[in-house]
Protein backbone atom coordinates (compact mmCIF):
# COMPACT_ATOMS: atom_id res chain seq x y z
CA MET A 1 32.71 -100.69 129.04
CA GLN A 2 36.21 -101.58 130.11
CA ASN A 3 37.67 -104.86 128.78
CA ILE A 4 40.31 -107.03 130.43
CA ASN A 5 41.62 -110.56 130.06
CA LEU A 6 41.33 -113.06 132.89
CA ALA A 7 45.03 -113.05 133.80
CA ASN A 8 45.09 -109.26 134.25
CA PHE A 9 41.77 -109.37 136.11
CA GLN A 10 43.21 -111.88 138.58
CA LYS A 11 46.28 -109.71 139.17
CA ASP A 12 44.24 -106.65 140.11
CA ILE A 13 40.92 -108.12 141.25
CA SER A 14 40.48 -105.98 144.38
CA THR A 15 41.05 -102.69 142.59
CA LEU A 16 38.84 -103.68 139.67
CA PHE A 17 35.99 -104.67 142.00
CA GLU A 18 36.25 -101.38 143.89
CA GLU A 19 36.31 -99.34 140.67
CA THR A 20 33.31 -101.23 139.28
CA ILE A 21 31.36 -100.48 142.45
CA LYS A 22 32.54 -96.86 142.83
CA TYR A 23 32.03 -95.77 139.22
CA ASN A 24 29.20 -98.15 138.18
CA GLN A 25 31.31 -99.06 135.17
CA PRO A 26 30.73 -102.64 133.91
CA LEU A 27 33.84 -104.71 133.28
CA GLN A 28 34.03 -107.30 130.52
CA ILE A 29 36.39 -110.17 131.36
CA HIS A 30 37.70 -112.21 128.42
CA THR A 31 38.62 -115.88 128.77
CA ASP A 32 39.43 -118.65 126.31
CA ASN A 33 36.03 -120.22 127.06
CA GLY A 34 33.92 -117.07 126.75
CA ASN A 35 33.38 -113.75 128.44
CA ALA A 36 31.80 -112.55 131.66
CA ILE A 37 30.56 -109.16 132.84
CA LEU A 38 31.20 -107.74 136.29
CA LEU A 39 28.50 -105.28 137.41
CA SER A 40 28.01 -103.28 140.56
CA GLU A 41 25.04 -104.35 142.67
CA GLU A 42 23.43 -100.98 141.92
CA ASP A 43 23.66 -101.57 138.16
CA TYR A 44 22.40 -105.14 138.53
CA ASN A 45 19.36 -104.00 140.55
CA SER A 46 18.66 -101.28 137.98
CA LEU A 47 18.67 -103.86 135.19
CA LEU A 48 16.26 -106.09 137.12
CA GLU A 49 13.93 -103.14 137.75
CA THR A 50 14.02 -102.16 134.07
CA LEU A 51 13.21 -105.73 133.01
CA TYR A 52 10.36 -105.90 135.49
CA LEU A 53 8.85 -102.58 134.39
CA SER A 54 9.15 -103.39 130.70
CA SER A 55 7.52 -106.80 131.23
CA THR A 56 4.30 -105.16 132.43
CA GLN A 57 2.06 -104.06 129.52
CA GLU A 58 0.47 -101.16 131.42
CA MET A 59 3.80 -99.78 132.64
CA ARG A 60 5.39 -100.18 129.21
CA GLU A 61 2.55 -98.13 127.69
CA LYS A 62 2.97 -95.42 130.33
CA ILE A 63 6.71 -95.22 129.68
CA ILE A 64 6.21 -94.99 125.91
CA ASN A 65 3.51 -92.35 126.39
CA GLY A 66 5.84 -90.36 128.65
CA LEU A 67 8.67 -90.56 126.15
CA ASN A 68 6.36 -89.26 123.42
CA THR A 69 5.08 -86.33 125.51
CA PRO A 70 6.71 -83.00 124.58
CA LEU A 71 8.40 -81.22 127.49
CA SER A 72 6.10 -78.25 126.94
CA GLN A 73 3.16 -80.44 128.05
CA CYS A 74 4.89 -81.64 131.24
CA ILE A 75 4.56 -80.06 134.66
CA SER A 76 7.60 -78.78 136.52
CA GLU A 77 9.27 -80.82 139.22
CA GLU A 78 8.04 -78.39 141.86
CA GLU A 79 4.43 -79.13 140.88
CA VAL A 80 4.76 -82.90 141.32
CA GLU A 81 2.91 -84.20 144.35
CA TRP A 82 4.98 -86.96 145.95
């Protein structure tokens, strides 16, 4: 994560916004009163989706089960029925 102080952020705000969006790289902005994080909308939506999925007991169990499944027991992508 890139870090910047508020004064430098203000000087180059347009470029920093565009880079955050283009590269999905969060930006931590330091101030005397605390810090803030600038995220792309894509990253923000991904975080919300992750929080939602992990808040559901059934989905959380499926994810953990999937993570614990060896690749040798998985089917290939071509075999997945969408």
